[in-house]
Amino acid sequence: MIKYLLNCKNCKLEFESWFASSKEFDKLKKLKLLNCQDCNSQKIEKSLMKPNLANASFKNDKYNKNNKNLKKKLKEYQKFVRENFEYVGENFTYEARSIHYNKNKNKKNIYGKASIDDIKELKEEGIETSSIPWIEDKEN
């Protein structure tokens, strides 16, 4: 695994991402599967990362603690979404448009699944959405 610092040439956002290899980054970029977390632009470039010089045991302990905290927060957020939003599954883009254009005034809070292209189209129409990583409740 390799971690790159990525730069969006459109909105200048810097963010990090992990890849299986350098070739995997190139492959995903060529297939236009990389996009900015903020503006959805596909104008993503990798830049140099400074080396992490912490010793392995310290890094692993810190990583495990941060990972557990992040997983806990994500589960709390997911629980809130499940309890307060209606799951619309694959119909998310249709339902979001219905709410936005006042065709379905009764629904306010929804969540579901949508492709990156669908989210981009919604944004272009002025329909605000948010994406969150969704983790399964499986315990290993």
N, C-alpha and C. Protein backbone atom coordinates (compact mmCIF):
# COMPACT_ATOMS: atom_id res chain seq x y z
N MET A 1 0.85 -1.18 0.00
CA MET A 1 0.00 0.00 0.00
C MET A 1 0.89 1.25 0.00
N ILE A 2 0.39 2.26 -0.67
CA ILE A 2 1.13 3.53 -0.74
C ILE A 2 0.13 4.67 -0.53
N LYS A 3 0.56 5.66 0.23
CA LYS A 3 -0.29 6.81 0.50
C LYS A 3 0.25 8.01 -0.27
N TYR A 4 -0.66 8.69 -0.98
CA TYR A 4 -0.28 9.88 -1.73
C TYR A 4 -1.03 11.10 -1.20
N LEU A 5 -0.36 12.22 -1.27
CA LEU A 5 -1.02 13.50 -1.06
C LEU A 5 -1.53 13.91 -2.42
N LEU A 6 -2.84 14.12 -2.54
CA LEU A 6 -3.45 14.46 -3.81
C LEU A 6 -3.87 15.92 -3.81
N ASN A 7 -3.79 16.53 -4.97
CA ASN A 7 -4.17 17.93 -5.14
C ASN A 7 -5.23 18.02 -6.22
N CYS A 8 -6.28 18.75 -5.92
CA CYS A 8 -7.30 19.04 -6.93
C CYS A 8 -6.87 20.31 -7.66
N LYS A 9 -6.72 20.22 -8.95
CA LYS A 9 -6.31 21.37 -9.75
C LYS A 9 -7.47 22.35 -9.93
N ASN A 10 -8.70 21.90 -9.66
CA ASN A 10 -9.87 22.76 -9.83
C ASN A 10 -10.10 23.66 -8.61
N CYS A 11 -10.18 23.06 -7.42
CA CYS A 11 -10.48 23.86 -6.22
C CYS A 11 -9.29 23.97 -5.25
N LYS A 12 -8.16 23.36 -5.62
CA LYS A 12 -6.91 23.45 -4.84
C LYS A 12 -6.95 22.69 -3.51
N LEU A 13 -7.93 21.80 -3.32
CA LEU A 13 -8.01 21.00 -2.11
C LEU A 13 -6.87 19.99 -2.09
N GLU A 14 -6.26 19.80 -0.92
CA GLU A 14 -5.26 18.75 -0.72
C GLU A 14 -5.87 17.69 0.17
N PHE A 15 -5.70 16.42 -0.21
CA PHE A 15 -6.19 15.32 0.61
C PHE A 15 -5.32 14.09 0.37
N GLU A 16 -5.38 13.16 1.30
CA GLU A 16 -4.57 11.96 1.20
C GLU A 16 -5.44 10.78 0.80
N SER A 17 -4.82 9.82 0.12
CA SER A 17 -5.52 8.60 -0.24
C SER A 17 -4.53 7.46 -0.36
N TRP A 18 -5.01 6.26 -0.09
CA TRP A 18 -4.19 5.05 -0.16
C TRP A 18 -4.45 4.34 -1.47
N PHE A 19 -3.39 3.74 -2.03
CA PHE A 19 -3.49 2.97 -3.26
C PHE A 19 -2.68 1.70 -3.10
N ALA A 20 -3.07 0.67 -3.82
CA ALA A 20 -2.35 -0.60 -3.76
C ALA A 20 -0.92 -0.44 -4.27
N SER A 21 -0.74 0.43 -5.24
CA SER A 21 0.59 0.67 -5.81
C SER A 21 0.56 1.96 -6.61
N SER A 22 1.72 2.37 -7.07
CA SER A 22 1.82 3.54 -7.93
C SER A 22 1.06 3.31 -9.24
N LYS A 23 1.16 2.09 -9.74
CA LYS A 23 0.47 1.73 -10.97
C LYS A 23 -1.05 1.79 -10.79
N GLU A 24 -1.52 1.44 -9.60
CA GLU A 24 -2.96 1.49 -9.33
C GLU A 24 -3.48 2.92 -9.39
N PHE A 25 -2.72 3.86 -8.86
CA PHE A 25 -3.11 5.28 -8.98
C PHE A 25 -3.24 5.66 -10.44
N ASP A 26 -2.21 5.32 -11.24
CA ASP A 26 -2.22 5.66 -12.67
C ASP A 26 -3.41 5.03 -13.39
N LYS A 27 -3.70 3.78 -13.04
CA LYS A 27 -4.83 3.06 -13.66
C LYS A 27 -6.15 3.75 -13.33
N LEU A 28 -6.37 4.08 -12.06
CA LEU A 28 -7.61 4.73 -11.65
C LEU A 28 -7.76 6.11 -12.27
N LYS A 29 -6.66 6.83 -12.39
CA LYS A 29 -6.69 8.16 -13.02
C LYS A 29 -7.06 8.04 -14.49
N LYS A 30 -6.46 7.06 -15.17
CA LYS A 30 -6.74 6.85 -16.59
C LYS A 30 -8.21 6.47 -16.81
N LEU A 31 -8.78 5.68 -15.91
CA LEU A 31 -10.18 5.27 -16.01
C LEU A 31 -11.15 6.34 -15.50
N LYS A 32 -10.59 7.48 -15.08
CA LYS A 32 -11.38 8.61 -14.56
C LYS A 32 -12.22 8.21 -13.34
N LEU A 33 -11.60 7.44 -12.45
CA LEU A 33 -12.27 7.00 -11.23
C LEU A 33 -11.80 7.77 -10.00
N LEU A 34 -10.92 8.75 -10.20
CA LEU A 34 -10.46 9.60 -9.10
C LEU A 34 -11.18 10.93 -9.19
N ASN A 35 -11.70 11.39 -8.07
CA ASN A 35 -12.35 12.69 -8.07
C ASN A 35 -12.11 13.41 -6.76
N CYS A 36 -12.24 14.71 -6.79
CA CYS A 36 -12.05 15.55 -5.62
C CYS A 36 -13.18 15.33 -4.63
N GLN A 37 -12.84 15.26 -3.36
CA GLN A 37 -13.83 15.07 -2.30
C GLN A 37 -14.74 16.28 -2.15
N ASP A 38 -14.26 17.42 -2.58
CA ASP A 38 -14.99 18.66 -2.37
C ASP A 38 -15.81 19.08 -3.59
N CYS A 39 -15.16 19.14 -4.76
CA CYS A 39 -15.85 19.67 -5.94
C CYS A 39 -16.14 18.61 -7.00
N ASN A 40 -15.77 17.37 -6.76
CA ASN A 40 -16.00 16.24 -7.67
C ASN A 40 -15.20 16.32 -8.97
N SER A 41 -14.27 17.26 -9.09
CA SER A 41 -13.45 17.38 -10.28
C SER A 41 -12.56 16.14 -10.43
N GLN A 42 -12.28 15.79 -11.66
CA GLN A 42 -11.38 14.67 -11.92
C GLN A 42 -9.96 15.14 -12.23
N LYS A 43 -9.70 16.41 -12.01
CA LYS A 43 -8.36 16.99 -12.24
C LYS A 43 -7.53 16.81 -10.98
N ILE A 44 -7.16 15.56 -10.71
CA ILE A 44 -6.42 15.19 -9.51
C ILE A 44 -4.99 14.84 -9.88
N GLU A 45 -4.05 15.39 -9.13
CA GLU A 45 -2.63 15.11 -9.32
C GLU A 45 -2.04 14.67 -8.00
N LYS A 46 -1.05 13.78 -8.05
CA LYS A 46 -0.38 13.38 -6.83
C LYS A 46 0.84 14.27 -6.61
N SER A 47 1.18 14.47 -5.35
CA SER A 47 2.37 15.25 -5.03
C SER A 47 3.21 14.49 -4.02
N LEU A 48 4.36 15.02 -3.73
CA LEU A 48 5.28 14.35 -2.82
C LEU A 48 4.76 14.37 -1.39
N MET A 49 4.96 13.27 -0.71
CA MET A 49 4.61 13.16 0.71
C MET A 49 5.89 13.20 1.52
N LYS A 50 5.84 13.85 2.65
CA LYS A 50 7.00 13.80 3.52
C LYS A 50 6.99 12.45 4.23
N PRO A 51 8.15 11.87 4.47
CA PRO A 51 8.20 10.55 5.10
C PRO A 51 7.75 10.60 6.56
N ASN A 52 7.12 9.52 6.99
CA ASN A 52 6.70 9.39 8.37
C ASN A 52 7.80 8.63 9.11
N LEU A 53 8.46 9.30 10.05
CA LEU A 53 9.62 8.71 10.69
C LEU A 53 9.33 8.11 12.07
N ALA A 54 8.08 8.02 12.46
CA ALA A 54 7.74 7.42 13.75
C ALA A 54 8.04 5.92 13.70
N ASN A 55 8.41 5.36 14.87
CA ASN A 55 8.72 3.93 14.86
C ASN A 55 7.44 3.12 14.68
N ALA A 56 7.57 1.90 14.23
CA ALA A 56 6.42 1.08 13.82
C ALA A 56 5.43 0.83 14.96
N SER A 57 5.91 0.53 16.18
CA SER A 57 4.99 0.23 17.27
C SER A 57 4.19 1.47 17.67
N PHE A 58 4.85 2.63 17.70
CA PHE A 58 4.14 3.87 18.02
C PHE A 58 3.09 4.17 16.95
N LYS A 59 3.49 4.02 15.70
CA LYS A 59 2.59 4.32 14.59
C LYS A 59 1.37 3.38 14.63
N ASN A 60 1.59 2.09 14.88
CA ASN A 60 0.49 1.13 14.91
C ASN A 60 -0.45 1.41 16.07
N ASP A 61 0.09 1.73 17.24
CA ASP A 61 -0.77 2.03 18.40
C ASP A 61 -1.61 3.27 18.12
N LYS A 62 -0.98 4.29 17.59
CA LYS A 62 -1.69 5.53 17.28
C LYS A 62 -2.74 5.28 16.20
N TYR A 63 -2.38 4.52 15.18
CA TYR A 63 -3.31 4.19 14.10
C TYR A 63 -4.51 3.41 14.64
N ASN A 64 -4.26 2.40 15.46
CA ASN A 64 -5.35 1.58 15.99
C ASN A 64 -6.30 2.42 16.86
N LYS A 65 -5.74 3.30 17.67
CA LYS A 65 -6.57 4.16 18.52
C LYS A 65 -7.42 5.10 17.66
N ASN A 66 -6.77 5.74 16.68
CA ASN A 66 -7.51 6.64 15.79
C ASN A 66 -8.56 5.89 14.98
N ASN A 67 -8.22 4.69 14.53
CA ASN A 67 -9.14 3.89 13.74
C ASN A 67 -10.37 3.50 14.57
N LYS A 68 -10.15 3.10 15.81
CA LYS A 68 -11.28 2.75 16.69
C LYS A 68 -12.17 3.95 16.96
N ASN A 69 -11.56 5.12 17.21
CA ASN A 69 -12.35 6.33 17.45
C ASN A 69 -13.15 6.71 16.21
N LEU A 70 -12.52 6.64 15.06
CA LEU A 70 -13.21 6.98 13.82
C LEU A 70 -14.36 6.00 13.55
N LYS A 71 -14.11 4.73 13.74
CA LYS A 71 -15.15 3.71 13.52
C LYS A 71 -16.32 3.94 14.48
N LYS A 72 -16.02 4.28 15.73
CA LYS A 72 -17.08 4.55 16.71
C LYS A 72 -17.92 5.75 16.28
N LYS A 73 -17.26 6.83 15.85
CA LYS A 73 -17.98 8.03 15.41
C LYS A 73 -18.84 7.74 14.18
N LEU A 74 -18.28 6.97 13.22
CA LEU A 74 -19.05 6.62 12.03
C LEU A 74 -20.28 5.80 12.38
N LYS A 75 -20.14 4.86 13.31
CA LYS A 75 -21.29 4.05 13.73
C LYS A 75 -22.35 4.91 14.42
N GLU A 76 -21.91 5.87 15.23
CA GLU A 76 -22.87 6.78 15.88
C GLU A 76 -23.61 7.60 14.84
N TYR A 77 -22.89 8.10 13.87
CA TYR A 77 -23.49 8.91 12.82
C TYR A 77 -24.47 8.07 11.99
N GLN A 78 -24.07 6.84 11.65
CA GLN A 78 -24.94 5.95 10.90
C GLN A 78 -26.22 5.65 11.68
N LYS A 79 -26.09 5.44 12.97
CA LYS A 79 -27.27 5.18 13.81
C LYS A 79 -28.21 6.38 13.76
N PHE A 80 -27.66 7.58 13.87
CA PHE A 80 -28.47 8.79 13.79
C PHE A 80 -29.20 8.87 12.45
N VAL A 81 -28.47 8.59 11.36
CA VAL A 81 -29.08 8.64 10.03
C VAL A 81 -30.20 7.61 9.92
N ARG A 82 -29.96 6.37 10.36
CA ARG A 82 -30.99 5.32 10.28
C ARG A 82 -32.25 5.70 11.06
N GLU A 83 -32.06 6.35 12.21
CA GLU A 83 -33.20 6.70 13.07
C GLU A 83 -33.95 7.94 12.60
N ASN A 84 -33.32 8.82 11.86
CA ASN A 84 -33.92 10.11 11.52
C ASN A 84 -34.14 10.34 10.03
N PHE A 85 -33.68 9.44 9.19
CA PHE A 85 -33.81 9.59 7.75
C PHE A 85 -34.50 8.36 7.17
N GLU A 86 -35.14 8.53 6.04
CA GLU A 86 -35.79 7.41 5.37
C GLU A 86 -34.84 6.84 4.33
N TYR A 87 -34.66 5.52 4.37
CA TYR A 87 -33.79 4.85 3.40
C TYR A 87 -34.55 4.67 2.09
N VAL A 88 -34.00 5.21 1.00
CA VAL A 88 -34.66 5.11 -0.30
C VAL A 88 -33.84 4.27 -1.29
N GLY A 89 -32.74 3.70 -0.82
CA GLY A 89 -31.94 2.78 -1.63
C GLY A 89 -31.44 3.39 -2.92
N GLU A 90 -31.62 2.63 -4.01
CA GLU A 90 -31.14 3.04 -5.33
C GLU A 90 -31.94 4.21 -5.91
N ASN A 91 -33.07 4.57 -5.30
CA ASN A 91 -33.91 5.66 -5.78
C ASN A 91 -33.49 7.02 -5.22
N PHE A 92 -32.30 7.11 -4.67
CA PHE A 92 -31.87 8.33 -4.00
C PHE A 92 -31.96 9.56 -4.90
N THR A 93 -31.41 9.48 -6.12
CA THR A 93 -31.40 10.67 -6.99
C THR A 93 -32.81 11.10 -7.37
N TYR A 94 -33.68 10.12 -7.64
CA TYR A 94 -35.07 10.44 -7.97
C TYR A 94 -35.76 11.13 -6.80
N GLU A 95 -35.60 10.57 -5.60
CA GLU A 95 -36.23 11.13 -4.41
C GLU A 95 -35.67 12.51 -4.07
N ALA A 96 -34.36 12.68 -4.24
CA ALA A 96 -33.74 13.99 -3.96
C ALA A 96 -34.30 15.05 -4.89
N ARG A 97 -34.46 14.70 -6.16
CA ARG A 97 -35.05 15.65 -7.11
C ARG A 97 -36.51 15.95 -6.75
N SER A 98 -37.25 14.91 -6.36
CA SER A 98 -38.66 15.10 -5.99
C SER A 98 -38.79 16.07 -4.83
N ILE A 99 -37.94 15.93 -3.84
CA ILE A 99 -37.97 16.84 -2.70
C ILE A 99 -37.57 18.25 -3.13
N HIS A 100 -36.50 18.34 -3.90
CA HIS A 100 -35.98 19.65 -4.32
C HIS A 100 -36.99 20.43 -5.15
N TYR A 101 -37.65 19.74 -6.05
CA TYR A 101 -38.60 20.41 -6.94
C TYR A 101 -40.03 20.39 -6.38
N ASN A 102 -40.16 20.13 -5.06
CA ASN A 102 -41.42 20.17 -4.33
C ASN A 102 -42.48 19.21 -4.84
N LYS A 103 -42.09 18.14 -5.46
CA LYS A 103 -43.07 17.14 -5.89
C LYS A 103 -43.46 16.23 -4.74
N ASN A 104 -42.59 16.13 -3.76
CA ASN A 104 -42.87 15.27 -2.62
C ASN A 104 -42.51 16.04 -1.36
N LYS A 105 -43.43 16.87 -0.90
CA LYS A 105 -43.17 17.75 0.23
C LYS A 105 -43.11 17.02 1.56
N ASN A 106 -43.66 15.81 1.63
CA ASN A 106 -43.71 15.09 2.90
C ASN A 106 -42.34 14.54 3.31
N LYS A 107 -41.50 14.22 2.36
CA LYS A 107 -40.18 13.68 2.67
C LYS A 107 -39.19 14.82 2.81
N LYS A 108 -38.42 14.79 3.84
CA LYS A 108 -37.39 15.81 4.05
C LYS A 108 -36.01 15.18 4.16
N ASN A 109 -35.90 14.15 4.96
CA ASN A 109 -34.60 13.54 5.24
C ASN A 109 -34.55 12.15 4.62
N ILE A 110 -33.66 11.97 3.66
CA ILE A 110 -33.51 10.67 3.02
C ILE A 110 -32.04 10.30 2.95
N TYR A 111 -31.81 9.00 2.80
CA TYR A 111 -30.46 8.54 2.51
C TYR A 111 -30.57 7.31 1.62
N GLY A 112 -29.53 7.05 0.86
CA GLY A 112 -29.54 5.92 -0.06
C GLY A 112 -28.25 5.85 -0.83
N LYS A 113 -28.35 5.24 -2.00
CA LYS A 113 -27.17 5.01 -2.82
C LYS A 113 -27.25 5.81 -4.11
N ALA A 114 -26.10 6.35 -4.53
CA ALA A 114 -26.02 7.08 -5.79
C ALA A 114 -24.59 7.02 -6.31
N SER A 115 -24.45 7.05 -7.60
CA SER A 115 -23.12 7.03 -8.20
C SER A 115 -22.49 8.44 -8.11
N ILE A 116 -21.20 8.49 -8.35
CA ILE A 116 -20.50 9.78 -8.35
C ILE A 116 -21.09 10.69 -9.42
N ASP A 117 -21.39 10.13 -10.59
CA ASP A 117 -21.98 10.94 -11.67
C ASP A 117 -23.36 11.47 -11.27
N ASP A 118 -24.16 10.64 -10.59
CA ASP A 118 -25.47 11.10 -10.13
C ASP A 118 -25.33 12.25 -9.14
N ILE A 119 -24.40 12.13 -8.21
CA ILE A 119 -24.18 13.18 -7.21
C ILE A 119 -23.72 14.46 -7.90
N LYS A 120 -22.86 14.32 -8.91
CA LYS A 120 -22.37 15.48 -9.65
C LYS A 120 -23.54 16.18 -10.36
N GLU A 121 -24.44 15.41 -10.97
CA GLU A 121 -25.61 15.98 -11.64
C GLU A 121 -26.51 16.71 -10.65
N LEU A 122 -26.73 16.10 -9.48
CA LEU A 122 -27.55 16.74 -8.46
C LEU A 122 -26.93 18.08 -8.05
N LYS A 123 -25.62 18.09 -7.85
CA LYS A 123 -24.93 19.31 -7.46
C LYS A 123 -25.08 20.39 -8.53
N GLU A 124 -24.97 19.99 -9.80
CA GLU A 124 -25.13 20.94 -10.91
C GLU A 124 -26.54 21.53 -10.94
N GLU A 125 -27.53 20.77 -10.45
CA GLU A 125 -28.92 21.25 -10.40
C GLU A 125 -29.19 22.09 -9.15
N GLY A 126 -28.19 22.20 -8.29
CA GLY A 126 -28.37 22.97 -7.06
C GLY A 126 -28.93 22.17 -5.91
N ILE A 127 -28.88 20.86 -6.03
CA ILE A 127 -29.39 19.97 -4.98
C ILE A 127 -28.21 19.53 -4.12
N GLU A 128 -28.23 19.94 -2.86
CA GLU A 128 -27.12 19.63 -1.97
C GLU A 128 -27.23 18.20 -1.44
N THR A 129 -26.13 17.50 -1.45
CA THR A 129 -26.05 16.16 -0.88
C THR A 129 -24.75 16.05 -0.09
N SER A 130 -24.68 15.01 0.71
CA SER A 130 -23.44 14.70 1.43
C SER A 130 -23.16 13.22 1.28
N SER A 131 -21.90 12.89 1.20
CA SER A 131 -21.48 11.50 1.13
C SER A 131 -20.72 11.15 2.39
N ILE A 132 -21.03 10.01 2.94
CA ILE A 132 -20.28 9.54 4.10
C ILE A 132 -19.86 8.10 3.85
N PRO A 133 -18.73 7.68 4.39
CA PRO A 133 -18.36 6.27 4.28
C PRO A 133 -19.33 5.44 5.11
N TRP A 134 -19.84 4.39 4.55
CA TRP A 134 -20.81 3.54 5.25
C TRP A 134 -20.13 2.23 5.58
N ILE A 135 -20.01 1.93 6.87
CA ILE A 135 -19.34 0.70 7.29
C ILE A 135 -20.37 -0.29 7.78
N GLU A 136 -20.09 -1.56 7.54
CA GLU A 136 -20.98 -2.63 8.00
C GLU A 136 -20.78 -2.85 9.49
N ASP A 137 -21.80 -3.37 10.15
CA ASP A 137 -21.75 -3.61 11.58
C ASP A 137 -21.12 -4.96 11.92
N LYS A 138 -20.37 -5.53 11.02
CA LYS A 138 -19.74 -6.82 11.25
C LYS A 138 -18.59 -6.67 12.25
N GLU A 139 -18.52 -7.52 13.19
CA GLU A 139 -17.42 -7.51 14.17
C GLU A 139 -16.45 -8.62 13.79
N ASN A 140 -15.17 -8.30 13.70
CA ASN A 140 -14.13 -9.28 13.36
C ASN A 140 -13.38 -9.70 14.59
